[in-house]
Every structure is written in C-alpha cells, then in structure tokens.
Amino acid sequence: IVLFCASGTGIYGALTEGMPGDASILISKAILDFFTAAIFATNLGA
C-alpha cells in the first residue's frame, strides 16, 4: 500500500503530470508497477 499509494515516485509523477502535463514519469512507473504487482500477487493474491 505504501509502495503503490505513497511512494516518492508516485507523488512526484502525479504532481508532474498535473503541472506541466507530463505523464511520462507515471507511464514509466506503470511498467514497473505492473510487474511489481504481479510478483507481490504471487504470494498475496487478489
């Protein structure tokens, strides 16, 4: 929950997209988050 909801990268990416409209940080983070979520889900489930 901390990793996905309150990480420095997520906060930085959301603020960056909201200010200059640059979504690249969050889109790059999404690639990492997809695989990170997949690996955590192998143990934690849905």
ModelCIF file with pLDDT and N, C-alpha, C, O atoms, coordinates in Angstrom:
data_MODEL
#
_entry.id   MODEL 
#
_entity.id                         1 
_entity.type                       polymer 
_entity.pdbx_number_of_molecules   1 
#
_entity_poly.entity_id                      1 
_entity_poly.type                           'polypeptide(L)' 
_entity_poly.nstd_linkage                   no 
_entity_poly.nstd_monomer                   no 
_entity_poly.pdbx_seq_one_letter_code       IVLFCASGTGIYGALTEGMPGDASILISKAILDFFTAAIFATNLGA 
_entity_poly.pdbx_seq_one_letter_code_can   IVLFCASGTGIYGALTEGMPGDASILISKAILDFFTAAIFATNLGA 
_entity_poly.pdbx_strand_id                 A 
#
loop_
_entity_poly_seq.entity_id 
_entity_poly_seq.num 
_entity_poly_seq.mon_id 
_entity_poly_seq.hetero 
1 1  ILE n 
1 2  VAL n 
1 3  LEU n 
1 4  PHE n 
1 5  CYS n 
1 6  ALA n 
1 7  SER n 
1 8  GLY n 
1 9  THR n 
1 10 GLY n 
1 11 ILE n 
1 12 TYR n 
1 13 GLY n 
1 14 ALA n 
1 15 LEU n 
1 16 THR n 
1 17 GLU n 
1 18 GLY n 
1 19 MET n 
1 20 PRO n 
1 21 GLY n 
1 22 ASP n 
1 23 ALA n 
1 24 SER n 
1 25 ILE n 
1 26 LEU n 
1 27 ILE n 
1 28 SER n 
1 29 LYS n 
1 30 ALA n 
1 31 ILE n 
1 32 LEU n 
1 33 ASP n 
1 34 PHE n 
1 35 PHE n 
1 36 THR n 
1 37 ALA n 
1 38 ALA n 
1 39 ILE n 
1 40 PHE n 
1 41 ALA n 
1 42 THR n 
1 43 ASN n 
1 44 LEU n 
1 45 GLY n 
1 46 ALA n 
#
_struct_asym.id          A 
_struct_asym.entity_id   1 
#
loop_
_ma_qa_metric.id 
_ma_qa_metric.mode 
_ma_qa_metric.name 
_ma_qa_metric.software_group_id 
_ma_qa_metric.type 
1 global pLDDT . pLDDT 
2 local  pLDDT . pLDDT 
#
_ma_qa_metric_global.metric_id      1 
_ma_qa_metric_global.metric_value   86.15 
_ma_qa_metric_global.model_id       1 
_ma_qa_metric_global.ordinal_id     1 
#
loop_
_ma_qa_metric_local.label_asym_id 
_ma_qa_metric_local.label_comp_id 
_ma_qa_metric_local.label_seq_id 
_ma_qa_metric_local.metric_id 
_ma_qa_metric_local.metric_value 
_ma_qa_metric_local.model_id 
_ma_qa_metric_local.ordinal_id 
A ILE 1  2 79.00 1 1  
A VAL 2  2 74.00 1 2  
A LEU 3  2 79.00 1 3  
A PHE 4  2 88.00 1 4  
A CYS 5  2 84.00 1 5  
A ALA 6  2 74.00 1 6  
A SER 7  2 74.00 1 7  
A GLY 8  2 71.00 1 8  
A THR 9  2 79.00 1 9  
A GLY 10 2 87.00 1 10 
A ILE 11 2 84.00 1 11 
A TYR 12 2 83.00 1 12 
A GLY 13 2 89.00 1 13 
A ALA 14 2 91.00 1 14 
A LEU 15 2 87.00 1 15 
A THR 16 2 87.00 1 16 
A GLU 17 2 92.00 1 17 
A GLY 18 2 91.00 1 18 
A MET 19 2 83.00 1 19 
A PRO 20 2 77.00 1 20 
A GLY 21 2 84.00 1 21 
A ASP 22 2 89.00 1 22 
A ALA 23 2 93.00 1 23 
A SER 24 2 92.00 1 24 
A ILE 25 2 90.00 1 25 
A LEU 26 2 94.00 1 26 
A ILE 27 2 94.00 1 27 
A SER 28 2 92.00 1 28 
A LYS 29 2 90.00 1 29 
A ALA 30 2 94.00 1 30 
A ILE 31 2 92.00 1 31 
A LEU 32 2 90.00 1 32 
A ASP 33 2 92.00 1 33 
A PHE 34 2 94.00 1 34 
A PHE 35 2 90.00 1 35 
A THR 36 2 88.00 1 36 
A ALA 37 2 92.00 1 37 
A ALA 38 2 91.00 1 38 
A ILE 39 2 86.00 1 39 
A PHE 40 2 85.00 1 40 
A ALA 41 2 88.00 1 41 
A THR 42 2 85.00 1 42 
A ASN 43 2 79.00 1 43 
A LEU 44 2 81.00 1 44 
A GLY 45 2 82.00 1 45 
A ALA 46 2 83.00 1 46 
#
loop_
_atom_site.group_PDB 
_atom_site.id 
_atom_site.type_symbol 
_atom_site.label_atom_id 
_atom_site.label_alt_id 
_atom_site.label_comp_id 
_atom_site.label_asym_id 
_atom_site.label_entity_id 
_atom_site.label_seq_id 
_atom_site.pdbx_PDB_ins_code 
_atom_site.Cartn_x 
_atom_site.Cartn_y 
_atom_site.Cartn_z 
_atom_site.occupancy 
_atom_site.B_iso_or_equiv 
_atom_site.pdbx_formal_charge 
_atom_site.auth_seq_id 
_atom_site.auth_comp_id 
_atom_site.auth_asym_id 
_atom_site.auth_atom_id 
_atom_site.pdbx_PDB_model_num 
ATOM 1   N N  . ILE A 1 1  ? 0.848  -1.198  0.000   1.00 79.00 ? 1  ILE A N  1 
ATOM 2   C CA . ILE A 1 1  ? 0.000  0.000   0.000   1.00 79.00 ? 1  ILE A CA 1 
ATOM 3   C C  . ILE A 1 1  ? 0.881  1.245   0.000   1.00 79.00 ? 1  ILE A C  1 
ATOM 4   O O  . ILE A 1 1  ? 0.626  2.192   -0.744  1.00 79.00 ? 1  ILE A O  1 
ATOM 5   N N  . VAL A 1 2  ? 1.917  1.240   0.836   1.00 74.00 ? 2  VAL A N  1 
ATOM 6   C CA . VAL A 1 2  ? 2.859  2.359   0.853   1.00 74.00 ? 2  VAL A CA 1 
ATOM 7   C C  . VAL A 1 2  ? 3.558  2.474   -0.495  1.00 74.00 ? 2  VAL A C  1 
ATOM 8   O O  . VAL A 1 2  ? 3.703  3.574   -1.029  1.00 74.00 ? 2  VAL A O  1 
ATOM 9   N N  . LEU A 1 3  ? 3.991  1.348   -1.047  1.00 79.00 ? 3  LEU A N  1 
ATOM 10  C CA . LEU A 1 3  ? 4.727  1.340   -2.307  1.00 79.00 ? 3  LEU A CA 1 
ATOM 11  C C  . LEU A 1 3  ? 3.915  1.946   -3.445  1.00 79.00 ? 3  LEU A C  1 
ATOM 12  O O  . LEU A 1 3  ? 4.424  2.767   -4.207  1.00 79.00 ? 3  LEU A O  1 
ATOM 13  N N  . PHE A 1 4  ? 2.644  1.538   -3.559  1.00 88.00 ? 4  PHE A N  1 
ATOM 14  C CA . PHE A 1 4  ? 1.832  1.980   -4.691  1.00 88.00 ? 4  PHE A CA 1 
ATOM 15  C C  . PHE A 1 4  ? 1.113  3.307   -4.449  1.00 88.00 ? 4  PHE A C  1 
ATOM 16  O O  . PHE A 1 4  ? 0.859  4.050   -5.398  1.00 88.00 ? 4  PHE A O  1 
ATOM 17  N N  . CYS A 1 5  ? 0.781  3.614   -3.197  1.00 84.00 ? 5  CYS A N  1 
ATOM 18  C CA . CYS A 1 5  ? -0.030 4.813   -2.916  1.00 84.00 ? 5  CYS A CA 1 
ATOM 19  C C  . CYS A 1 5  ? 0.766  5.989   -2.397  1.00 84.00 ? 5  CYS A C  1 
ATOM 20  O O  . CYS A 1 5  ? 0.327  7.130   -2.549  1.00 84.00 ? 5  CYS A O  1 
ATOM 21  N N  . ALA A 1 6  ? 1.912  5.762   -1.793  1.00 74.00 ? 6  ALA A N  1 
ATOM 22  C CA . ALA A 1 6  ? 2.621  6.863   -1.131  1.00 74.00 ? 6  ALA A CA 1 
ATOM 23  C C  . ALA A 1 6  ? 4.104  6.871   -1.431  1.00 74.00 ? 6  ALA A C  1 
ATOM 24  O O  . ALA A 1 6  ? 4.890  7.399   -0.644  1.00 74.00 ? 6  ALA A O  1 
ATOM 25  N N  . SER A 1 7  ? 4.503  6.294   -2.555  1.00 74.00 ? 7  SER A N  1 
ATOM 26  C CA . SER A 1 7  ? 5.921  6.298   -2.902  1.00 74.00 ? 7  SER A CA 1 
ATOM 27  C C  . SER A 1 7  ? 6.320  7.674   -3.430  1.00 74.00 ? 7  SER A C  1 
ATOM 28  O O  . SER A 1 7  ? 5.494  8.411   -3.969  1.00 74.00 ? 7  SER A O  1 
ATOM 29  N N  . GLY A 1 8  ? 7.586  8.003   -3.267  1.00 71.00 ? 8  GLY A N  1 
ATOM 30  C CA . GLY A 1 8  ? 8.066  9.276   -3.787  1.00 71.00 ? 8  GLY A CA 1 
ATOM 31  C C  . GLY A 1 8  ? 7.884  9.376   -5.294  1.00 71.00 ? 8  GLY A C  1 
ATOM 32  O O  . GLY A 1 8  ? 7.552  10.441  -5.814  1.00 71.00 ? 8  GLY A O  1 
ATOM 33  N N  . THR A 1 9  ? 8.103  8.262   -5.999  1.00 79.00 ? 9  THR A N  1 
ATOM 34  C CA . THR A 1 9  ? 7.958  8.264   -7.452  1.00 79.00 ? 9  THR A CA 1 
ATOM 35  C C  . THR A 1 9  ? 6.522  8.557   -7.866  1.00 79.00 ? 9  THR A C  1 
ATOM 36  O O  . THR A 1 9  ? 6.290  9.316   -8.807  1.00 79.00 ? 9  THR A O  1 
ATOM 37  N N  . GLY A 1 10 ? 5.550  7.956   -7.165  1.00 87.00 ? 10 GLY A N  1 
ATOM 38  C CA . GLY A 1 10 ? 4.143  8.165   -7.497  1.00 87.00 ? 10 GLY A CA 1 
ATOM 39  C C  . GLY A 1 10 ? 3.707  9.598   -7.240  1.00 87.00 ? 10 GLY A C  1 
ATOM 40  O O  . GLY A 1 10 ? 3.025  10.206  -8.064  1.00 87.00 ? 10 GLY A O  1 
ATOM 41  N N  . ILE A 1 11 ? 4.106  10.134  -6.089  1.00 84.00 ? 11 ILE A N  1 
ATOM 42  C CA . ILE A 1 11 ? 3.756  11.513  -5.750  1.00 84.00 ? 11 ILE A CA 1 
ATOM 43  C C  . ILE A 1 11 ? 4.396  12.482  -6.744  1.00 84.00 ? 11 ILE A C  1 
ATOM 44  O O  . ILE A 1 11 ? 3.749  13.405  -7.238  1.00 84.00 ? 11 ILE A O  1 
ATOM 45  N N  . TYR A 1 12 ? 5.667  12.253  -7.023  1.00 83.00 ? 12 TYR A N  1 
ATOM 46  C CA . TYR A 1 12 ? 6.379  13.086  -7.983  1.00 83.00 ? 12 TYR A CA 1 
ATOM 47  C C  . TYR A 1 12 ? 5.729  13.013  -9.365  1.00 83.00 ? 12 TYR A C  1 
ATOM 48  O O  . TYR A 1 12 ? 5.546  14.035  -10.026 1.00 83.00 ? 12 TYR A O  1 
ATOM 49  N N  . GLY A 1 13 ? 5.384  11.801  -9.793  1.00 89.00 ? 13 GLY A N  1 
ATOM 50  C CA . GLY A 1 13 ? 4.786  11.625  -11.116 1.00 89.00 ? 13 GLY A CA 1 
ATOM 51  C C  . GLY A 1 13 ? 3.427  12.278  -11.240 1.00 89.00 ? 13 GLY A C  1 
ATOM 52  O O  . GLY A 1 13 ? 3.122  12.891  -12.264 1.00 89.00 ? 13 GLY A O  1 
ATOM 53  N N  . ALA A 1 14 ? 2.597  12.155  -10.197 1.00 91.00 ? 14 ALA A N  1 
ATOM 54  C CA . ALA A 1 14 ? 1.255  12.753  -10.235 1.00 91.00 ? 14 ALA A CA 1 
ATOM 55  C C  . ALA A 1 14 ? 1.329  14.273  -10.255 1.00 91.00 ? 14 ALA A C  1 
ATOM 56  O O  . ALA A 1 14 ? 0.587  14.919  -10.996 1.00 91.00 ? 14 ALA A O  1 
ATOM 57  N N  . LEU A 1 15 ? 2.215  14.849  -9.451  1.00 87.00 ? 15 LEU A N  1 
ATOM 58  C CA . LEU A 1 15 ? 2.371  16.294  -9.426  1.00 87.00 ? 15 LEU A CA 1 
ATOM 59  C C  . LEU A 1 15 ? 2.954  16.810  -10.746 1.00 87.00 ? 15 LEU A C  1 
ATOM 60  O O  . LEU A 1 15 ? 2.564  17.869  -11.237 1.00 87.00 ? 15 LEU A O  1 
ATOM 61  N N  . THR A 1 16 ? 3.887  16.050  -11.304 1.00 87.00 ? 16 THR A N  1 
ATOM 62  C CA . THR A 1 16 ? 4.491  16.445  -12.576 1.00 87.00 ? 16 THR A CA 1 
ATOM 63  C C  . THR A 1 16 ? 3.461  16.430  -13.698 1.00 87.00 ? 16 THR A C  1 
ATOM 64  O O  . THR A 1 16 ? 3.438  17.334  -14.533 1.00 87.00 ? 16 THR A O  1 
ATOM 65  N N  . GLU A 1 17 ? 2.607  15.407  -13.721 1.00 92.00 ? 17 GLU A N  1 
ATOM 66  C CA . GLU A 1 17 ? 1.573  15.361  -14.747 1.00 92.00 ? 17 GLU A CA 1 
ATOM 67  C C  . GLU A 1 17 ? 0.571  16.490  -14.555 1.00 92.00 ? 17 GLU A C  1 
ATOM 68  O O  . GLU A 1 17 ? 0.089  17.065  -15.531 1.00 92.00 ? 17 GLU A O  1 
ATOM 69  N N  . GLY A 1 18 ? 0.257  16.808  -13.316 1.00 91.00 ? 18 GLY A N  1 
ATOM 70  C CA . GLY A 1 18 ? -0.719 17.855  -13.056 1.00 91.00 ? 18 GLY A CA 1 
ATOM 71  C C  . GLY A 1 18 ? -0.211 19.252  -13.349 1.00 91.00 ? 18 GLY A C  1 
ATOM 72  O O  . GLY A 1 18 ? -1.003 20.154  -13.622 1.00 91.00 ? 18 GLY A O  1 
ATOM 73  N N  . MET A 1 19 ? 1.119  19.448  -13.297 1.00 83.00 ? 19 MET A N  1 
ATOM 74  C CA . MET A 1 19 ? 1.669  20.789  -13.535 1.00 83.00 ? 19 MET A CA 1 
ATOM 75  C C  . MET A 1 19 ? 1.988  21.019  -15.010 1.00 83.00 ? 19 MET A C  1 
ATOM 76  O O  . MET A 1 19 ? 1.257  21.757  -15.671 1.00 83.00 ? 19 MET A O  1 
ATOM 77  N N  . PRO A 1 20 ? 3.059  20.415  -15.559 1.00 77.00 ? 20 PRO A N  1 
ATOM 78  C CA . PRO A 1 20 ? 3.328  20.667  -16.977 1.00 77.00 ? 20 PRO A CA 1 
ATOM 79  C C  . PRO A 1 20 ? 2.597  19.724  -17.911 1.00 77.00 ? 20 PRO A C  1 
ATOM 80  O O  . PRO A 1 20 ? 2.727  19.848  -19.128 1.00 77.00 ? 20 PRO A O  1 
ATOM 81  N N  . GLY A 1 21 ? 1.826  18.778  -17.373 1.00 84.00 ? 21 GLY A N  1 
ATOM 82  C CA . GLY A 1 21 ? 1.098  17.849  -18.221 1.00 84.00 ? 21 GLY A CA 1 
ATOM 83  C C  . GLY A 1 21 ? 1.956  16.720  -18.746 1.00 84.00 ? 21 GLY A C  1 
ATOM 84  O O  . GLY A 1 21 ? 1.622  16.111  -19.763 1.00 84.00 ? 21 GLY A O  1 
ATOM 85  N N  . ASP A 1 22 ? 3.057  16.428  -18.072 1.00 89.00 ? 22 ASP A N  1 
ATOM 86  C CA . ASP A 1 22 ? 3.981  15.379  -18.499 1.00 89.00 ? 22 ASP A CA 1 
ATOM 87  C C  . ASP A 1 22 ? 3.641  14.072  -17.786 1.00 89.00 ? 22 ASP A C  1 
ATOM 88  O O  . ASP A 1 22 ? 3.894  13.926  -16.590 1.00 89.00 ? 22 ASP A O  1 
ATOM 89  N N  . ALA A 1 23 ? 3.071  13.130  -18.522 1.00 93.00 ? 23 ALA A N  1 
ATOM 90  C CA . ALA A 1 23 ? 2.663  11.849  -17.944 1.00 93.00 ? 23 ALA A CA 1 
ATOM 91  C C  . ALA A 1 23 ? 3.748  10.792  -18.048 1.00 93.00 ? 23 ALA A C  1 
ATOM 92  O O  . ALA A 1 23 ? 3.537  9.654   -17.628 1.00 93.00 ? 23 ALA A O  1 
ATOM 93  N N  . SER A 1 24 ? 4.905  11.140  -18.598 1.00 92.00 ? 24 SER A N  1 
ATOM 94  C CA . SER A 1 24 ? 5.932  10.130  -18.884 1.00 92.00 ? 24 SER A CA 1 
ATOM 95  C C  . SER A 1 24 ? 6.434  9.428   -17.627 1.00 92.00 ? 24 SER A C  1 
ATOM 96  O O  . SER A 1 24 ? 6.723  8.232   -17.664 1.00 92.00 ? 24 SER A O  1 
ATOM 97  N N  . ILE A 1 25 ? 6.542  10.161  -16.505 1.00 90.00 ? 25 ILE A N  1 
ATOM 98  C CA . ILE A 1 25 ? 7.033  9.539   -15.270 1.00 90.00 ? 25 ILE A CA 1 
ATOM 99  C C  . ILE A 1 25 ? 6.066  8.458   -14.803 1.00 90.00 ? 25 ILE A C  1 
ATOM 100 O O  . ILE A 1 25 ? 6.492  7.349   -14.483 1.00 90.00 ? 25 ILE A O  1 
ATOM 101 N N  . LEU A 1 26 ? 4.771  8.764   -14.759 1.00 94.00 ? 26 LEU A N  1 
ATOM 102 C CA . LEU A 1 26 ? 3.798  7.783   -14.299 1.00 94.00 ? 26 LEU A CA 1 
ATOM 103 C C  . LEU A 1 26 ? 3.657  6.626   -15.279 1.00 94.00 ? 26 LEU A C  1 
ATOM 104 O O  . LEU A 1 26 ? 3.438  5.489   -14.861 1.00 94.00 ? 26 LEU A O  1 
ATOM 105 N N  . ILE A 1 27 ? 3.779  6.896   -16.569 1.00 94.00 ? 27 ILE A N  1 
ATOM 106 C CA . ILE A 1 27 ? 3.696  5.812   -17.553 1.00 94.00 ? 27 ILE A CA 1 
ATOM 107 C C  . ILE A 1 27 ? 4.892  4.880   -17.402 1.00 94.00 ? 27 ILE A C  1 
ATOM 108 O O  . ILE A 1 27 ? 4.745  3.659   -17.473 1.00 94.00 ? 27 ILE A O  1 
ATOM 109 N N  . SER A 1 28 ? 6.080  5.454   -17.193 1.00 92.00 ? 28 SER A N  1 
ATOM 110 C CA . SER A 1 28 ? 7.264  4.617   -16.949 1.00 92.00 ? 28 SER A CA 1 
ATOM 111 C C  . SER A 1 28 ? 7.107  3.831   -15.653 1.00 92.00 ? 28 SER A C  1 
ATOM 112 O O  . SER A 1 28 ? 7.445  2.650   -15.584 1.00 92.00 ? 28 SER A O  1 
ATOM 113 N N  . LYS A 1 29 ? 6.589  4.505   -14.628 1.00 90.00 ? 29 LYS A N  1 
ATOM 114 C CA . LYS A 1 29 ? 6.357  3.846   -13.344 1.00 90.00 ? 29 LYS A CA 1 
ATOM 115 C C  . LYS A 1 29 ? 5.330  2.724   -13.499 1.00 90.00 ? 29 LYS A C  1 
ATOM 116 O O  . LYS A 1 29 ? 5.425  1.698   -12.825 1.00 90.00 ? 29 LYS A O  1 
ATOM 117 N N  . ALA A 1 30 ? 4.348  2.916   -14.385 1.00 94.00 ? 30 ALA A N  1 
ATOM 118 C CA . ALA A 1 30 ? 3.311  1.900   -14.582 1.00 94.00 ? 30 ALA A CA 1 
ATOM 119 C C  . ALA A 1 30 ? 3.900  0.584   -15.062 1.00 94.00 ? 30 ALA A C  1 
ATOM 120 O O  . ALA A 1 30 ? 3.421  -0.489  -14.693 1.00 94.00 ? 30 ALA A O  1 
ATOM 121 N N  . ILE A 1 31 ? 4.944  0.668   -15.887 1.00 92.00 ? 31 ILE A N  1 
ATOM 122 C CA . ILE A 1 31 ? 5.590  -0.560  -16.370 1.00 92.00 ? 31 ILE A CA 1 
ATOM 123 C C  . ILE A 1 31 ? 6.192  -1.322  -15.195 1.00 92.00 ? 31 ILE A C  1 
ATOM 124 O O  . ILE A 1 31 ? 6.028  -2.537  -15.079 1.00 92.00 ? 31 ILE A O  1 
ATOM 125 N N  . LEU A 1 32 ? 6.894  -0.591  -14.320 1.00 90.00 ? 32 LEU A N  1 
ATOM 126 C CA . LEU A 1 32 ? 7.460  -1.224  -13.129 1.00 90.00 ? 32 LEU A CA 1 
ATOM 127 C C  . LEU A 1 32 ? 6.357  -1.746  -12.212 1.00 90.00 ? 32 LEU A C  1 
ATOM 128 O O  . LEU A 1 32 ? 6.459  -2.850  -11.678 1.00 90.00 ? 32 LEU A O  1 
ATOM 129 N N  . ASP A 1 33 ? 5.304  -0.950  -12.031 1.00 92.00 ? 33 ASP A N  1 
ATOM 130 C CA . ASP A 1 33 ? 4.235  -1.330  -11.113 1.00 92.00 ? 33 ASP A CA 1 
ATOM 131 C C  . ASP A 1 33 ? 3.500  -2.585  -11.582 1.00 92.00 ? 33 ASP A C  1 
ATOM 132 O O  . ASP A 1 33 ? 3.068  -3.396  -10.763 1.00 92.00 ? 33 ASP A O  1 
ATOM 133 N N  . PHE A 1 34 ? 3.358  -2.744  -12.897 1.00 94.00 ? 34 PHE A N  1 
ATOM 134 C CA . PHE A 1 34 ? 2.678  -3.930  -13.418 1.00 94.00 ? 34 PHE A CA 1 
ATOM 135 C C  . PHE A 1 34 ? 3.397  -5.193  -12.954 1.00 94.00 ? 34 PHE A C  1 
ATOM 136 O O  . PHE A 1 34 ? 2.776  -6.107  -12.411 1.00 94.00 ? 34 PHE A O  1 
ATOM 137 N N  . PHE A 1 35 ? 4.708  -5.235  -13.171 1.00 90.00 ? 35 PHE A N  1 
ATOM 138 C CA . PHE A 1 35 ? 5.460  -6.433  -12.817 1.00 90.00 ? 35 PHE A CA 1 
ATOM 139 C C  . PHE A 1 35 ? 5.632  -6.564  -11.309 1.00 90.00 ? 35 PHE A C  1 
ATOM 140 O O  . PHE A 1 35 ? 5.632  -7.672  -10.774 1.00 90.00 ? 35 PHE A O  1 
ATOM 141 N N  . THR A 1 36 ? 5.782  -5.417  -10.618 1.00 88.00 ? 36 THR A N  1 
ATOM 142 C CA . THR A 1 36 ? 5.878  -5.472  -9.157  1.00 88.00 ? 36 THR A CA 1 
ATOM 143 C C  . THR A 1 36 ? 4.589  -6.024  -8.553  1.00 88.00 ? 36 THR A C  1 
ATOM 144 O O  . THR A 1 36 ? 4.624  -6.878  -7.666  1.00 88.00 ? 36 THR A O  1 
ATOM 145 N N  . ALA A 1 37 ? 3.449  -5.527  -9.044  1.00 92.00 ? 37 ALA A N  1 
ATOM 146 C CA . ALA A 1 37 ? 2.155  -6.020  -8.561  1.00 92.00 ? 37 ALA A CA 1 
ATOM 147 C C  . ALA A 1 37 ? 1.999  -7.507  -8.857  1.00 92.00 ? 37 ALA A C  1 
ATOM 148 O O  . ALA A 1 37 ? 1.484  -8.263  -8.034  1.00 92.00 ? 37 ALA A O  1 
ATOM 149 N N  . ALA A 1 38 ? 2.445  -7.916  -10.038 1.00 91.00 ? 38 ALA A N  1 
ATOM 150 C CA . ALA A 1 38 ? 2.333  -9.325  -10.413 1.00 91.00 ? 38 ALA A CA 1 
ATOM 151 C C  . ALA A 1 38 ? 3.135  -10.210 -9.465  1.00 91.00 ? 38 ALA A C  1 
ATOM 152 O O  . ALA A 1 38 ? 2.666  -11.268 -9.044  1.00 91.00 ? 38 ALA A O  1 
ATOM 153 N N  . ILE A 1 39 ? 4.347  -9.769  -9.134  1.00 86.00 ? 39 ILE A N  1 
ATOM 154 C CA . ILE A 1 39 ? 5.198  -10.581 -8.263  1.00 86.00 ? 39 ILE A CA 1 
ATOM 155 C C  . ILE A 1 39 ? 4.648  -10.615 -6.838  1.00 86.00 ? 39 ILE A C  1 
ATOM 156 O O  . ILE A 1 39 ? 4.648  -11.671 -6.204  1.00 86.00 ? 39 ILE A O  1 
ATOM 157 N N  . PHE A 1 40 ? 4.178  -9.470  -6.324  1.00 85.00 ? 40 PHE A N  1 
ATOM 158 C CA . PHE A 1 40 ? 3.566  -9.467  -4.991  1.00 85.00 ? 40 PHE A CA 1 
ATOM 159 C C  . PHE A 1 40 ? 2.319  -10.350 -4.975  1.00 85.00 ? 40 PHE A C  1 
ATOM 160 O O  . PHE A 1 40 ? 2.055  -11.045 -3.994  1.00 85.00 ? 40 PHE A O  1 
ATOM 161 N N  . ALA A 1 41 ? 1.557  -10.318 -6.064  1.00 88.00 ? 41 ALA A N  1 
ATOM 162 C CA . ALA A 1 41 ? 0.314  -11.087 -6.107  1.00 88.00 ? 41 ALA A CA 1 
ATOM 163 C C  . ALA A 1 41 ? 0.564  -12.587 -6.126  1.00 88.00 ? 41 ALA A C  1 
ATOM 164 O O  . ALA A 1 41 ? -0.331 -13.359 -5.780  1.00 88.00 ? 41 ALA A O  1 
ATOM 165 N N  . THR A 1 42 ? 1.756  -13.020 -6.519  1.00 85.00 ? 42 THR A N  1 
ATOM 166 C CA . THR A 1 42 ? 2.037  -14.455 -6.489  1.00 85.00 ? 42 THR A CA 1 
ATOM 167 C C  . THR A 1 42 ? 1.975  -15.000 -5.064  1.00 85.00 ? 42 THR A C  1 
ATOM 168 O O  . THR A 1 42 ? 1.703  -16.183 -4.858  1.00 85.00 ? 42 THR A O  1 
ATOM 169 N N  . ASN A 1 43 ? 2.228  -14.129 -4.075  1.00 79.00 ? 43 ASN A N  1 
ATOM 170 C CA . ASN A 1 43 ? 2.161  -14.527 -2.674  1.00 79.00 ? 43 ASN A CA 1 
ATOM 171 C C  . ASN A 1 43 ? 0.910  -14.019 -1.965  1.00 79.00 ? 43 ASN A C  1 
ATOM 172 O O  . ASN A 1 43 ? 0.360  -14.695 -1.095  1.00 79.00 ? 43 ASN A O  1 
ATOM 173 N N  . LEU A 1 44 ? 0.461  -12.809 -2.348  1.00 81.00 ? 44 LEU A N  1 
ATOM 174 C CA . LEU A 1 44 ? -0.637 -12.172 -1.618  1.00 81.00 ? 44 LEU A CA 1 
ATOM 175 C C  . LEU A 1 44 ? -1.997 -12.370 -2.270  1.00 81.00 ? 44 LEU A C  1 
ATOM 176 O O  . LEU A 1 44 ? -3.027 -12.257 -1.605  1.00 81.00 ? 44 LEU A O  1 
ATOM 177 N N  . GLY A 1 45 ? -2.009 -12.662 -3.550  1.00 82.00 ? 45 GLY A N  1 
ATOM 178 C CA . GLY A 1 45 ? -3.274 -12.898 -4.224  1.00 82.00 ? 45 GLY A CA 1 
ATOM 179 C C  . GLY A 1 45 ? -3.963 -11.627 -4.695  1.00 82.00 ? 45 GLY A C  1 
ATOM 180 O O  . GLY A 1 45 ? -3.315 -10.612 -4.952  1.00 82.00 ? 45 GLY A O  1 
ATOM 181 N N  . ALA A 1 46 ? -5.303 -11.696 -4.805  1.00 83.00 ? 46 ALA A N  1 
ATOM 182 C CA . ALA A 1 46 ? -6.091 -10.643 -5.445  1.00 83.00 ? 46 ALA A CA 1 
ATOM 183 C C  . ALA A 1 46 ? -6.115 -9.338  -4.670  1.00 83.00 ? 46 ALA A C  1 
ATOM 184 O O  . ALA A 1 46 ? -6.744 -8.373  -5.105  1.00 83.00 ? 46 ALA A O  1 
#
